[in-house]
Amino acid sequence: MNNLKKYVSSMCEVKTIDNELLMVGIFNGLDEDNHIEIVSPSVRVPFLGYGTPLKVQIYNYKLGLCIIQAKIYISGDHFIKLADMEYVAPGERRTFYRVPVSIMRNMEVVEEKGAPRLAPVEIEIVDISLSGLGFKTEYAVDPDRKYTLKLPLARRECEVVFEIVRFVDSVDGVYHYGCKFDKMKTADSDALCAFIFENQREQIRKQREAAEQLNLE
């Protein structure tokens, strides 16, 4: 439990045991009875029955990823409390839900003492998750620098700082980069959670409509 307390105020995803995303929220810590509390200030939480088994992926920019399994103790409109927690073995870990997007932005290099100042680079963001983003660009960028840009998320312009963790060399003149967020304001974290959950619900709605249409044909 002591390690888990270090993750207070970190973003998290709550999934079924079969990895269906149920909610995105903020790990609010442990109550006096050591129940795990997760809050979702911007988005209403779907009702979850007592004892429902769940997986929770908690992400912290400094500590990394923590995954637990637990069961619903209380389910409210904007929070859940969990009991019977167990840590998930590393081999069972899953990646965060990625929202496919197409957002054109100029990213800037975070200034470092003694490092040359570089011009903004035009990029196309292709996916966003709780832990980071993917983008493509016609320009080769320094993978050892940190970058910043503003993201339009849930009716808010969010300023994010991120670093490159993987990249693919130019194919037909386009470079592909995978990045993890370095730090984010609380309000921006809330907007990111709301953006991801709203997009995931919209994707599920479209999939259900497509399935119903096929059944009618």
N, C-alpha and C. Protein backbone atom coordinates (compact mmCIF):
# COMPACT_ATOMS: atom_id res chain seq x y z
N MET A 1 0.81 -1.21 0.00
CA MET A 1 0.00 0.00 0.00
C MET A 1 0.85 1.27 0.00
N ASN A 2 2.02 1.22 0.66
CA ASN A 2 2.85 2.41 0.74
C ASN A 2 3.29 2.89 -0.64
N ASN A 3 3.65 1.95 -1.53
CA ASN A 3 4.04 2.32 -2.88
C ASN A 3 2.88 2.97 -3.62
N LEU A 4 1.67 2.48 -3.39
CA LEU A 4 0.50 3.00 -4.08
C LEU A 4 0.21 4.44 -3.68
N LYS A 5 0.51 4.79 -2.44
CA LYS A 5 0.25 6.14 -1.96
C LYS A 5 1.07 7.18 -2.74
N LYS A 6 2.18 6.75 -3.30
CA LYS A 6 3.01 7.68 -4.08
C LYS A 6 2.32 8.10 -5.38
N TYR A 7 1.31 7.35 -5.80
CA TYR A 7 0.62 7.62 -7.07
C TYR A 7 -0.59 8.54 -6.91
N VAL A 8 -0.83 9.06 -5.72
CA VAL A 8 -1.98 9.95 -5.50
C VAL A 8 -1.94 11.12 -6.49
N SER A 9 -3.09 11.44 -7.07
CA SER A 9 -3.28 12.51 -8.06
C SER A 9 -2.81 12.11 -9.46
N SER A 10 -2.43 10.84 -9.66
CA SER A 10 -2.01 10.37 -10.98
C SER A 10 -3.23 9.95 -11.80
N MET A 11 -3.11 10.03 -13.12
CA MET A 11 -4.18 9.63 -14.02
C MET A 11 -4.25 8.10 -14.11
N CYS A 12 -5.44 7.58 -14.39
CA CYS A 12 -5.59 6.13 -14.47
C CYS A 12 -6.73 5.74 -15.40
N GLU A 13 -6.69 4.50 -15.86
CA GLU A 13 -7.76 3.89 -16.63
C GLU A 13 -8.32 2.73 -15.82
N VAL A 14 -9.64 2.59 -15.85
CA VAL A 14 -10.32 1.47 -15.20
C VAL A 14 -10.93 0.60 -16.29
N LYS A 15 -10.58 -0.69 -16.28
CA LYS A 15 -11.03 -1.61 -17.33
C LYS A 15 -11.67 -2.85 -16.73
N THR A 16 -12.46 -3.55 -17.56
CA THR A 16 -12.94 -4.87 -17.16
C THR A 16 -11.76 -5.83 -17.19
N ILE A 17 -11.96 -7.03 -16.69
CA ILE A 17 -10.92 -8.04 -16.73
C ILE A 17 -10.56 -8.38 -18.18
N ASP A 18 -11.53 -8.17 -19.11
CA ASP A 18 -11.29 -8.42 -20.54
C ASP A 18 -10.74 -7.19 -21.25
N ASN A 19 -10.32 -6.16 -20.47
CA ASN A 19 -9.66 -4.97 -21.00
C ASN A 19 -10.58 -4.02 -21.76
N GLU A 20 -11.88 -4.03 -21.47
CA GLU A 20 -12.78 -3.01 -22.02
C GLU A 20 -12.70 -1.77 -21.12
N LEU A 21 -12.43 -0.62 -21.73
CA LEU A 21 -12.28 0.62 -20.96
C LEU A 21 -13.63 1.06 -20.40
N LEU A 22 -13.69 1.28 -19.07
CA LEU A 22 -14.92 1.70 -18.40
C LEU A 22 -14.90 3.16 -18.01
N MET A 23 -13.76 3.65 -17.57
CA MET A 23 -13.65 5.05 -17.17
C MET A 23 -12.19 5.48 -17.14
N VAL A 24 -12.00 6.77 -17.24
CA VAL A 24 -10.69 7.39 -17.10
C VAL A 24 -10.80 8.42 -15.99
N GLY A 25 -9.87 8.41 -15.06
CA GLY A 25 -10.00 9.32 -13.94
C GLY A 25 -8.69 9.59 -13.23
N ILE A 26 -8.80 10.05 -11.99
CA ILE A 26 -7.65 10.41 -11.17
C ILE A 26 -7.64 9.53 -9.92
N PHE A 27 -6.48 8.93 -9.62
CA PHE A 27 -6.34 8.15 -8.39
C PHE A 27 -6.29 9.11 -7.21
N ASN A 28 -7.30 9.01 -6.35
CA ASN A 28 -7.48 9.99 -5.27
C ASN A 28 -6.90 9.51 -3.94
N GLY A 29 -6.29 8.30 -3.94
CA GLY A 29 -5.68 7.80 -2.72
C GLY A 29 -6.51 6.72 -2.04
N LEU A 30 -6.20 6.47 -0.77
CA LEU A 30 -6.85 5.43 0.02
C LEU A 30 -7.63 6.07 1.17
N ASP A 31 -8.84 5.55 1.44
CA ASP A 31 -9.59 6.09 2.56
C ASP A 31 -9.13 5.42 3.87
N GLU A 32 -9.83 5.70 4.98
CA GLU A 32 -9.39 5.20 6.28
C GLU A 32 -9.48 3.68 6.39
N ASP A 33 -10.25 3.07 5.49
CA ASP A 33 -10.36 1.61 5.48
C ASP A 33 -9.53 0.97 4.36
N ASN A 34 -8.62 1.76 3.79
CA ASN A 34 -7.74 1.31 2.71
C ASN A 34 -8.49 0.93 1.44
N HIS A 35 -9.66 1.53 1.21
CA HIS A 35 -10.34 1.38 -0.07
C HIS A 35 -9.73 2.37 -1.07
N ILE A 36 -9.49 1.91 -2.27
CA ILE A 36 -8.93 2.76 -3.32
C ILE A 36 -10.03 3.65 -3.88
N GLU A 37 -9.77 4.95 -3.98
CA GLU A 37 -10.76 5.89 -4.53
C GLU A 37 -10.25 6.47 -5.84
N ILE A 38 -11.10 6.40 -6.87
CA ILE A 38 -10.80 6.98 -8.17
C ILE A 38 -11.93 7.94 -8.51
N VAL A 39 -11.59 9.17 -8.90
CA VAL A 39 -12.59 10.19 -9.18
C VAL A 39 -12.55 10.57 -10.66
N SER A 40 -13.71 11.00 -11.16
CA SER A 40 -13.84 11.45 -12.54
C SER A 40 -14.66 12.73 -12.52
N PRO A 41 -14.02 13.89 -12.25
CA PRO A 41 -14.77 15.14 -12.06
C PRO A 41 -15.57 15.59 -13.28
N SER A 42 -15.05 15.31 -14.49
CA SER A 42 -15.65 15.87 -15.70
C SER A 42 -16.65 14.94 -16.37
N VAL A 43 -16.58 13.64 -16.10
CA VAL A 43 -17.40 12.67 -16.82
C VAL A 43 -18.14 11.78 -15.82
N ARG A 44 -19.42 11.54 -16.08
CA ARG A 44 -20.22 10.67 -15.22
C ARG A 44 -19.72 9.23 -15.34
N VAL A 45 -19.60 8.55 -14.22
CA VAL A 45 -19.10 7.17 -14.20
C VAL A 45 -20.26 6.20 -14.43
N PRO A 46 -20.09 5.20 -15.30
CA PRO A 46 -21.15 4.19 -15.46
C PRO A 46 -21.32 3.39 -14.17
N PHE A 47 -22.57 2.98 -13.86
CA PHE A 47 -22.80 2.24 -12.62
C PHE A 47 -22.11 0.88 -12.69
N LEU A 48 -21.41 0.53 -11.63
CA LEU A 48 -20.71 -0.75 -11.54
C LEU A 48 -21.16 -1.45 -10.26
N GLY A 49 -21.65 -2.67 -10.40
CA GLY A 49 -22.22 -3.39 -9.27
C GLY A 49 -21.17 -3.83 -8.25
N TYR A 50 -21.62 -3.95 -7.01
CA TYR A 50 -20.74 -4.38 -5.91
C TYR A 50 -20.06 -5.71 -6.25
N GLY A 51 -18.73 -5.75 -6.05
CA GLY A 51 -17.98 -6.98 -6.29
C GLY A 51 -17.50 -7.17 -7.71
N THR A 52 -17.83 -6.23 -8.62
CA THR A 52 -17.37 -6.34 -10.01
C THR A 52 -15.84 -6.30 -10.06
N PRO A 53 -15.19 -7.32 -10.64
CA PRO A 53 -13.72 -7.31 -10.73
C PRO A 53 -13.25 -6.35 -11.83
N LEU A 54 -12.19 -5.63 -11.54
CA LEU A 54 -11.67 -4.62 -12.46
C LEU A 54 -10.15 -4.63 -12.50
N LYS A 55 -9.61 -4.06 -13.59
CA LYS A 55 -8.18 -3.75 -13.67
C LYS A 55 -8.04 -2.23 -13.67
N VAL A 56 -7.02 -1.75 -12.97
CA VAL A 56 -6.75 -0.32 -12.92
C VAL A 56 -5.29 -0.08 -13.32
N GLN A 57 -5.09 0.76 -14.32
CA GLN A 57 -3.75 1.16 -14.75
C GLN A 57 -3.52 2.59 -14.31
N ILE A 58 -2.56 2.79 -13.42
CA ILE A 58 -2.25 4.11 -12.88
C ILE A 58 -0.92 4.56 -13.46
N TYR A 59 -0.91 5.75 -14.02
CA TYR A 59 0.32 6.23 -14.66
C TYR A 59 0.81 7.51 -14.00
N ASN A 60 2.08 7.52 -13.65
CA ASN A 60 2.73 8.69 -13.08
C ASN A 60 3.98 8.98 -13.91
N TYR A 61 4.17 10.25 -14.25
CA TYR A 61 5.28 10.61 -15.15
C TYR A 61 6.64 10.24 -14.60
N LYS A 62 6.81 10.31 -13.27
CA LYS A 62 8.10 9.99 -12.66
C LYS A 62 8.19 8.53 -12.24
N LEU A 63 7.10 7.96 -11.72
CA LEU A 63 7.13 6.61 -11.17
C LEU A 63 6.86 5.53 -12.21
N GLY A 64 6.23 5.92 -13.32
CA GLY A 64 5.90 4.94 -14.35
C GLY A 64 4.52 4.34 -14.14
N LEU A 65 4.35 3.09 -14.56
CA LEU A 65 3.04 2.44 -14.60
C LEU A 65 2.86 1.49 -13.42
N CYS A 66 1.69 1.54 -12.80
CA CYS A 66 1.31 0.61 -11.74
C CYS A 66 -0.04 0.02 -12.11
N ILE A 67 -0.17 -1.31 -12.12
CA ILE A 67 -1.42 -1.97 -12.49
C ILE A 67 -1.88 -2.85 -11.34
N ILE A 68 -3.16 -2.70 -11.00
CA ILE A 68 -3.74 -3.49 -9.93
C ILE A 68 -5.04 -4.13 -10.39
N GLN A 69 -5.45 -5.18 -9.70
CA GLN A 69 -6.79 -5.73 -9.84
C GLN A 69 -7.50 -5.53 -8.52
N ALA A 70 -8.80 -5.23 -8.60
CA ALA A 70 -9.59 -5.01 -7.38
C ALA A 70 -11.06 -5.21 -7.71
N LYS A 71 -11.91 -5.06 -6.69
CA LYS A 71 -13.34 -5.24 -6.88
C LYS A 71 -14.09 -3.99 -6.41
N ILE A 72 -15.20 -3.73 -7.09
CA ILE A 72 -16.01 -2.57 -6.74
C ILE A 72 -16.55 -2.70 -5.31
N TYR A 73 -16.35 -1.63 -4.53
CA TYR A 73 -16.93 -1.54 -3.19
C TYR A 73 -18.11 -0.56 -3.20
N ILE A 74 -17.88 0.63 -3.78
CA ILE A 74 -18.93 1.63 -3.95
C ILE A 74 -18.78 2.24 -5.34
N SER A 75 -19.91 2.48 -6.02
CA SER A 75 -19.92 3.15 -7.32
C SER A 75 -20.83 4.36 -7.25
N GLY A 76 -20.25 5.57 -7.47
CA GLY A 76 -21.03 6.80 -7.46
C GLY A 76 -21.06 7.45 -8.83
N ASP A 77 -21.68 8.63 -8.91
CA ASP A 77 -21.79 9.32 -10.20
C ASP A 77 -20.44 9.77 -10.74
N HIS A 78 -19.54 10.17 -9.83
CA HIS A 78 -18.25 10.70 -10.28
C HIS A 78 -17.08 10.08 -9.51
N PHE A 79 -17.28 8.91 -8.92
CA PHE A 79 -16.18 8.24 -8.23
C PHE A 79 -16.50 6.75 -8.08
N ILE A 80 -15.46 5.97 -7.84
CA ILE A 80 -15.62 4.58 -7.42
C ILE A 80 -14.66 4.32 -6.27
N LYS A 81 -15.03 3.35 -5.41
CA LYS A 81 -14.12 2.86 -4.39
C LYS A 81 -13.94 1.36 -4.61
N LEU A 82 -12.68 0.90 -4.43
CA LEU A 82 -12.33 -0.48 -4.72
C LEU A 82 -11.77 -1.16 -3.48
N ALA A 83 -12.00 -2.47 -3.39
CA ALA A 83 -11.47 -3.27 -2.28
C ALA A 83 -10.80 -4.51 -2.85
N ASP A 84 -10.18 -5.29 -1.97
CA ASP A 84 -9.53 -6.57 -2.34
C ASP A 84 -8.49 -6.36 -3.44
N MET A 85 -7.59 -5.41 -3.22
CA MET A 85 -6.60 -5.08 -4.24
C MET A 85 -5.46 -6.09 -4.33
N GLU A 86 -5.02 -6.34 -5.56
CA GLU A 86 -3.84 -7.15 -5.82
C GLU A 86 -3.03 -6.49 -6.92
N TYR A 87 -1.70 -6.52 -6.80
CA TYR A 87 -0.86 -6.01 -7.87
C TYR A 87 -0.81 -7.01 -9.02
N VAL A 88 -0.78 -6.48 -10.25
CA VAL A 88 -0.71 -7.33 -11.44
C VAL A 88 0.75 -7.60 -11.79
N ALA A 89 1.06 -8.85 -12.12
CA ALA A 89 2.43 -9.21 -12.51
C ALA A 89 2.83 -8.46 -13.77
N PRO A 90 4.12 -8.11 -13.93
CA PRO A 90 4.57 -7.33 -15.10
C PRO A 90 4.18 -7.95 -16.44
N GLY A 91 4.16 -9.28 -16.53
CA GLY A 91 3.86 -9.93 -17.81
C GLY A 91 2.43 -9.74 -18.26
N GLU A 92 1.54 -9.28 -17.35
CA GLU A 92 0.14 -9.10 -17.69
C GLU A 92 -0.19 -7.66 -18.04
N ARG A 93 0.80 -6.83 -18.11
CA ARG A 93 0.55 -5.41 -18.32
C ARG A 93 0.02 -5.14 -19.73
N ARG A 94 -0.79 -4.06 -19.84
CA ARG A 94 -1.39 -3.64 -21.09
C ARG A 94 -1.03 -2.18 -21.34
N THR A 95 -1.09 -1.78 -22.59
CA THR A 95 -0.85 -0.38 -22.93
C THR A 95 -2.13 0.42 -22.72
N PHE A 96 -1.98 1.75 -22.67
CA PHE A 96 -3.14 2.60 -22.50
C PHE A 96 -3.94 2.72 -23.79
N TYR A 97 -5.23 2.98 -23.63
CA TYR A 97 -6.12 3.17 -24.78
C TYR A 97 -5.65 4.38 -25.58
N ARG A 98 -5.49 4.20 -26.89
CA ARG A 98 -5.06 5.29 -27.76
C ARG A 98 -6.22 5.81 -28.59
N VAL A 99 -6.38 7.12 -28.59
CA VAL A 99 -7.40 7.76 -29.41
C VAL A 99 -6.77 8.18 -30.73
N PRO A 100 -7.22 7.61 -31.85
CA PRO A 100 -6.68 8.06 -33.14
C PRO A 100 -7.17 9.47 -33.45
N VAL A 101 -6.26 10.35 -33.85
CA VAL A 101 -6.60 11.73 -34.15
C VAL A 101 -5.80 12.18 -35.38
N SER A 102 -6.13 13.36 -35.85
CA SER A 102 -5.33 14.02 -36.89
C SER A 102 -5.34 15.51 -36.55
N ILE A 103 -4.32 15.93 -35.78
CA ILE A 103 -4.25 17.31 -35.28
C ILE A 103 -2.93 17.92 -35.74
N MET A 104 -3.01 18.99 -36.49
CA MET A 104 -1.81 19.70 -36.94
C MET A 104 -1.41 20.73 -35.87
N ARG A 105 -0.14 20.70 -35.51
CA ARG A 105 0.37 21.61 -34.49
C ARG A 105 1.83 21.95 -34.76
N ASN A 106 2.29 23.07 -34.21
CA ASN A 106 3.70 23.39 -34.18
C ASN A 106 4.23 23.05 -32.79
N MET A 107 5.25 22.19 -32.73
CA MET A 107 5.84 21.89 -31.43
C MET A 107 7.16 22.65 -31.30
N GLU A 108 7.46 23.02 -30.06
CA GLU A 108 8.67 23.78 -29.78
C GLU A 108 9.58 23.00 -28.86
N VAL A 109 10.85 23.22 -29.00
CA VAL A 109 11.83 22.58 -28.13
C VAL A 109 11.85 23.29 -26.78
N VAL A 110 11.84 22.53 -25.70
CA VAL A 110 11.99 23.12 -24.37
C VAL A 110 13.42 23.63 -24.24
N GLU A 111 13.56 24.89 -23.92
CA GLU A 111 14.90 25.49 -23.86
C GLU A 111 15.72 24.90 -22.72
N GLU A 112 16.98 24.59 -23.03
CA GLU A 112 17.92 24.08 -22.03
C GLU A 112 19.15 24.97 -22.01
N LYS A 113 19.70 25.17 -20.83
CA LYS A 113 20.87 26.03 -20.70
C LYS A 113 22.04 25.47 -21.51
N GLY A 114 22.57 26.30 -22.38
CA GLY A 114 23.70 25.90 -23.19
C GLY A 114 23.35 25.19 -24.48
N ALA A 115 22.09 24.82 -24.66
CA ALA A 115 21.67 24.13 -25.88
C ALA A 115 21.18 25.16 -26.90
N PRO A 116 21.38 24.91 -28.19
CA PRO A 116 20.94 25.86 -29.21
C PRO A 116 19.42 25.97 -29.25
N ARG A 117 18.93 27.17 -29.53
CA ARG A 117 17.49 27.40 -29.66
C ARG A 117 17.08 27.01 -31.07
N LEU A 118 16.03 26.17 -31.18
CA LEU A 118 15.60 25.66 -32.47
C LEU A 118 14.23 26.21 -32.85
N ALA A 119 13.97 26.28 -34.14
CA ALA A 119 12.70 26.80 -34.64
C ALA A 119 11.59 25.78 -34.40
N PRO A 120 10.32 26.23 -34.26
CA PRO A 120 9.19 25.30 -34.12
C PRO A 120 9.11 24.35 -35.31
N VAL A 121 8.59 23.15 -35.07
CA VAL A 121 8.46 22.14 -36.12
C VAL A 121 6.99 21.80 -36.30
N GLU A 122 6.54 21.78 -37.55
CA GLU A 122 5.15 21.42 -37.84
C GLU A 122 5.00 19.90 -37.80
N ILE A 123 4.02 19.40 -37.03
CA ILE A 123 3.80 17.96 -36.91
C ILE A 123 2.31 17.66 -37.06
N GLU A 124 2.01 16.38 -37.32
CA GLU A 124 0.63 15.90 -37.27
C GLU A 124 0.54 14.86 -36.16
N ILE A 125 -0.25 15.16 -35.12
CA ILE A 125 -0.46 14.20 -34.04
C ILE A 125 -1.42 13.13 -34.54
N VAL A 126 -1.05 11.86 -34.38
CA VAL A 126 -1.86 10.76 -34.93
C VAL A 126 -2.57 9.94 -33.86
N ASP A 127 -2.12 10.01 -32.61
CA ASP A 127 -2.83 9.34 -31.53
C ASP A 127 -2.45 9.96 -30.18
N ILE A 128 -3.38 9.84 -29.21
CA ILE A 128 -3.18 10.39 -27.87
C ILE A 128 -3.63 9.36 -26.85
N SER A 129 -2.86 9.19 -25.78
CA SER A 129 -3.25 8.32 -24.67
C SER A 129 -2.96 9.04 -23.36
N LEU A 130 -3.28 8.40 -22.23
CA LEU A 130 -2.97 9.01 -20.94
C LEU A 130 -1.48 9.23 -20.76
N SER A 131 -0.68 8.36 -21.35
CA SER A 131 0.76 8.42 -21.09
C SER A 131 1.56 9.20 -22.13
N GLY A 132 0.97 9.48 -23.29
CA GLY A 132 1.74 10.19 -24.30
C GLY A 132 1.00 10.37 -25.61
N LEU A 133 1.76 10.60 -26.68
CA LEU A 133 1.17 10.82 -27.99
C LEU A 133 2.10 10.31 -29.08
N GLY A 134 1.55 10.11 -30.28
CA GLY A 134 2.33 9.76 -31.45
C GLY A 134 2.17 10.84 -32.49
N PHE A 135 3.25 11.14 -33.22
CA PHE A 135 3.13 12.14 -34.28
C PHE A 135 4.01 11.77 -35.46
N LYS A 136 3.72 12.40 -36.59
CA LYS A 136 4.55 12.24 -37.77
C LYS A 136 4.89 13.62 -38.33
N THR A 137 6.01 13.70 -39.02
CA THR A 137 6.46 14.97 -39.54
C THR A 137 7.44 14.74 -40.70
N GLU A 138 7.60 15.74 -41.51
CA GLU A 138 8.56 15.67 -42.61
C GLU A 138 9.97 16.00 -42.15
N TYR A 139 10.11 16.38 -40.89
CA TYR A 139 11.41 16.84 -40.39
C TYR A 139 12.00 15.84 -39.39
N ALA A 140 13.29 15.62 -39.47
CA ALA A 140 13.99 14.82 -38.46
C ALA A 140 14.22 15.70 -37.24
N VAL A 141 13.82 15.23 -36.05
CA VAL A 141 13.98 16.02 -34.84
C VAL A 141 14.91 15.30 -33.87
N ASP A 142 15.49 16.05 -32.97
CA ASP A 142 16.44 15.50 -32.00
C ASP A 142 15.70 14.66 -30.95
N PRO A 143 15.94 13.36 -30.88
CA PRO A 143 15.21 12.52 -29.92
C PRO A 143 15.66 12.70 -28.48
N ASP A 144 16.72 13.46 -28.26
CA ASP A 144 17.24 13.65 -26.91
C ASP A 144 16.78 14.95 -26.26
N ARG A 145 15.93 15.71 -26.95
CA ARG A 145 15.42 16.95 -26.38
C ARG A 145 13.97 16.77 -25.92
N LYS A 146 13.50 17.65 -25.05
CA LYS A 146 12.10 17.68 -24.65
C LYS A 146 11.37 18.72 -25.48
N TYR A 147 10.07 18.49 -25.69
CA TYR A 147 9.28 19.36 -26.56
C TYR A 147 7.99 19.77 -25.85
N THR A 148 7.37 20.82 -26.35
CA THR A 148 6.12 21.29 -25.80
C THR A 148 5.20 21.76 -26.92
N LEU A 149 3.90 21.63 -26.68
CA LEU A 149 2.89 22.13 -27.62
C LEU A 149 1.57 22.27 -26.88
N LYS A 150 0.59 22.90 -27.55
CA LYS A 150 -0.74 23.06 -26.97
C LYS A 150 -1.72 22.13 -27.69
N LEU A 151 -2.48 21.39 -26.90
CA LEU A 151 -3.45 20.43 -27.43
C LEU A 151 -4.87 20.90 -27.14
N PRO A 152 -5.75 20.86 -28.14
CA PRO A 152 -7.17 21.19 -27.90
C PRO A 152 -7.90 19.96 -27.37
N LEU A 153 -8.11 19.88 -26.05
CA LEU A 153 -8.73 18.71 -25.44
C LEU A 153 -9.92 19.13 -24.59
N ALA A 154 -11.08 18.52 -24.88
CA ALA A 154 -12.28 18.74 -24.07
C ALA A 154 -12.53 20.23 -23.85
N ARG A 155 -12.52 21.00 -24.94
CA ARG A 155 -12.82 22.43 -24.92
C ARG A 155 -11.80 23.23 -24.11
N ARG A 156 -10.58 22.73 -24.06
CA ARG A 156 -9.51 23.42 -23.33
C ARG A 156 -8.21 23.30 -24.10
N GLU A 157 -7.45 24.38 -24.15
CA GLU A 157 -6.11 24.35 -24.74
C GLU A 157 -5.13 23.90 -23.65
N CYS A 158 -4.62 22.70 -23.78
CA CYS A 158 -3.74 22.13 -22.77
C CYS A 158 -2.28 22.22 -23.22
N GLU A 159 -1.43 22.71 -22.34
CA GLU A 159 0.00 22.78 -22.64
C GLU A 159 0.68 21.53 -22.09
N VAL A 160 1.34 20.77 -22.95
CA VAL A 160 1.98 19.53 -22.53
C VAL A 160 3.46 19.57 -22.86
N VAL A 161 4.24 18.91 -22.02
CA VAL A 161 5.67 18.70 -22.25
C VAL A 161 5.89 17.21 -22.41
N PHE A 162 6.70 16.82 -23.39
CA PHE A 162 6.88 15.39 -23.66
C PHE A 162 8.28 15.12 -24.19
N GLU A 163 8.66 13.85 -24.14
CA GLU A 163 9.95 13.43 -24.67
C GLU A 163 9.76 12.22 -25.58
N ILE A 164 10.64 12.07 -26.54
CA ILE A 164 10.55 10.99 -27.52
C ILE A 164 11.12 9.71 -26.92
N VAL A 165 10.38 8.60 -27.05
CA VAL A 165 10.83 7.32 -26.53
C VAL A 165 11.09 6.30 -27.64
N ARG A 166 10.56 6.55 -28.82
CA ARG A 166 10.83 5.66 -29.97
C ARG A 166 10.58 6.45 -31.26
N PHE A 167 11.25 6.03 -32.33
CA PHE A 167 11.02 6.69 -33.62
C PHE A 167 11.36 5.74 -34.75
N VAL A 168 10.77 6.03 -35.91
CA VAL A 168 11.01 5.26 -37.13
C VAL A 168 11.59 6.21 -38.16
N ASP A 169 12.72 5.82 -38.75
CA ASP A 169 13.37 6.68 -39.75
C ASP A 169 12.44 6.95 -40.93
N SER A 170 12.77 7.96 -41.68
CA SER A 170 11.94 8.43 -42.77
C SER A 170 11.54 7.31 -43.74
N VAL A 171 10.24 7.23 -43.99
CA VAL A 171 9.69 6.36 -45.03
C VAL A 171 8.90 7.26 -45.97
N ASP A 172 9.37 7.37 -47.22
CA ASP A 172 8.74 8.28 -48.19
C ASP A 172 8.72 9.71 -47.66
N GLY A 173 9.77 10.10 -46.95
CA GLY A 173 9.91 11.48 -46.50
C GLY A 173 9.16 11.82 -45.23
N VAL A 174 8.65 10.82 -44.50
CA VAL A 174 7.90 11.09 -43.27
C VAL A 174 8.54 10.32 -42.11
N TYR A 175 8.77 11.01 -40.99
CA TYR A 175 9.31 10.40 -39.78
C TYR A 175 8.17 10.17 -38.77
N HIS A 176 8.22 9.06 -38.05
CA HIS A 176 7.19 8.73 -37.06
C HIS A 176 7.83 8.66 -35.67
N TYR A 177 7.16 9.29 -34.67
CA TYR A 177 7.70 9.37 -33.32
C TYR A 177 6.64 8.96 -32.28
N GLY A 178 7.09 8.24 -31.27
CA GLY A 178 6.25 7.93 -30.11
C GLY A 178 6.80 8.65 -28.90
N CYS A 179 5.93 9.29 -28.12
CA CYS A 179 6.39 10.15 -27.02
C CYS A 179 5.63 9.87 -25.73
N LYS A 180 6.27 10.17 -24.61
CA LYS A 180 5.58 10.10 -23.32
C LYS A 180 5.55 11.49 -22.70
N PHE A 181 4.44 11.79 -22.01
CA PHE A 181 4.31 13.08 -21.37
C PHE A 181 5.28 13.19 -20.20
N ASP A 182 5.82 14.38 -20.02
CA ASP A 182 6.78 14.62 -18.95
C ASP A 182 6.10 15.25 -17.74
N LYS A 183 5.21 16.18 -17.97
CA LYS A 183 4.49 16.80 -16.86
C LYS A 183 3.26 17.51 -17.42
N MET A 184 2.28 17.73 -16.52
CA MET A 184 1.02 18.32 -16.96
C MET A 184 0.30 18.93 -15.75
N LYS A 185 -0.36 20.06 -15.95
CA LYS A 185 -1.14 20.68 -14.89
C LYS A 185 -2.36 19.81 -14.57
N THR A 186 -2.87 19.95 -13.35
CA THR A 186 -4.03 19.15 -12.93
C THR A 186 -5.22 19.37 -13.84
N ALA A 187 -5.52 20.62 -14.18
CA ALA A 187 -6.66 20.92 -15.06
C ALA A 187 -6.47 20.30 -16.43
N ASP A 188 -5.23 20.28 -16.92
CA ASP A 188 -4.95 19.67 -18.22
C ASP A 188 -5.09 18.15 -18.14
N SER A 189 -4.69 17.55 -17.01
CA SER A 189 -4.86 16.11 -16.81
C SER A 189 -6.34 15.74 -16.83
N ASP A 190 -7.17 16.55 -16.16
CA ASP A 190 -8.62 16.31 -16.16
C ASP A 190 -9.18 16.39 -17.58
N ALA A 191 -8.73 17.38 -18.34
CA ALA A 191 -9.21 17.53 -19.72
C ALA A 191 -8.79 16.34 -20.58
N LEU A 192 -7.56 15.85 -20.38
CA LEU A 192 -7.08 14.69 -21.12
C LEU A 192 -7.93 13.45 -20.81
N CYS A 193 -8.22 13.23 -19.53
CA CYS A 193 -9.07 12.10 -19.13
C CYS A 193 -10.43 12.18 -19.79
N ALA A 194 -11.04 13.38 -19.75
CA ALA A 194 -12.37 13.55 -20.35
C ALA A 194 -12.33 13.33 -21.86
N PHE A 195 -11.29 13.84 -22.51
CA PHE A 195 -11.16 13.69 -23.97
C PHE A 195 -11.07 12.22 -24.36
N ILE A 196 -10.23 11.47 -23.66
CA ILE A 196 -10.04 10.06 -24.00
C ILE A 196 -11.31 9.26 -23.76
N PHE A 197 -11.97 9.49 -22.63
CA PHE A 197 -13.17 8.73 -22.31
C PHE A 197 -14.32 9.07 -23.26
N GLU A 198 -14.49 10.34 -23.60
CA GLU A 198 -15.54 10.74 -24.52
C GLU A 198 -15.33 10.13 -25.91
N ASN A 199 -14.07 10.11 -26.36
CA ASN A 199 -13.77 9.52 -27.67
C ASN A 199 -13.96 8.01 -27.66
N GLN A 200 -13.60 7.37 -26.53
CA GLN A 200 -13.78 5.92 -26.45
C GLN A 200 -15.27 5.56 -26.47
N ARG A 201 -16.09 6.34 -25.77
CA ARG A 201 -17.53 6.08 -25.78
C ARG A 201 -18.12 6.29 -27.17
N GLU A 202 -17.65 7.32 -27.88
CA GLU A 202 -18.13 7.57 -29.23
C GLU A 202 -17.76 6.44 -30.17
N GLN A 203 -16.55 5.89 -30.01
CA GLN A 203 -16.12 4.77 -30.84
C GLN A 203 -16.99 3.54 -30.57
N ILE A 204 -17.30 3.27 -29.30
CA ILE A 204 -18.17 2.14 -28.96
C ILE A 204 -19.55 2.33 -29.57
N ARG A 205 -20.08 3.56 -29.50
CA ARG A 205 -21.40 3.84 -30.07
C ARG A 205 -21.43 3.55 -31.56
N LYS A 206 -20.39 3.98 -32.28
CA LYS A 206 -20.33 3.74 -33.72
C LYS A 206 -20.22 2.25 -34.03
N GLN A 207 -19.44 1.53 -33.24
CA GLN A 207 -19.30 0.09 -33.45
C GLN A 207 -20.63 -0.63 -33.24
N ARG A 208 -21.39 -0.21 -32.22
CA ARG A 208 -22.68 -0.83 -31.96
C ARG A 208 -23.67 -0.51 -33.08
N GLU A 209 -23.65 0.73 -33.56
CA GLU A 209 -24.55 1.10 -34.66
C GLU A 209 -24.22 0.31 -35.92
N ALA A 210 -22.92 0.12 -36.18
CA ALA A 210 -22.51 -0.65 -37.36
C ALA A 210 -22.95 -2.10 -37.23
N ALA A 211 -22.82 -2.66 -36.01
CA ALA A 211 -23.23 -4.05 -35.80
C ALA A 211 -24.74 -4.20 -35.96
N GLU A 212 -25.50 -3.23 -35.45
CA GLU A 212 -26.96 -3.28 -35.59
C GLU A 212 -27.37 -3.16 -37.05
N GLN A 213 -26.66 -2.33 -37.81
CA GLN A 213 -26.96 -2.18 -39.22
C GLN A 213 -26.72 -3.47 -39.97
N LEU A 214 -25.65 -4.19 -39.63
CA LEU A 214 -25.36 -5.47 -40.28
C LEU A 214 -26.43 -6.51 -39.95
N ASN A 215 -26.95 -6.46 -38.73
CA ASN A 215 -28.00 -7.40 -38.34
C ASN A 215 -29.30 -7.15 -39.08
N LEU A 216 -29.52 -5.88 -39.50
CA LEU A 216 -30.75 -5.55 -40.22
C LEU A 216 -30.67 -5.94 -41.69
N GLU A 217 -29.46 -6.05 -42.23
CA GLU A 217 -29.30 -6.35 -43.66
C GLU A 217 -29.48 -7.83 -43.96
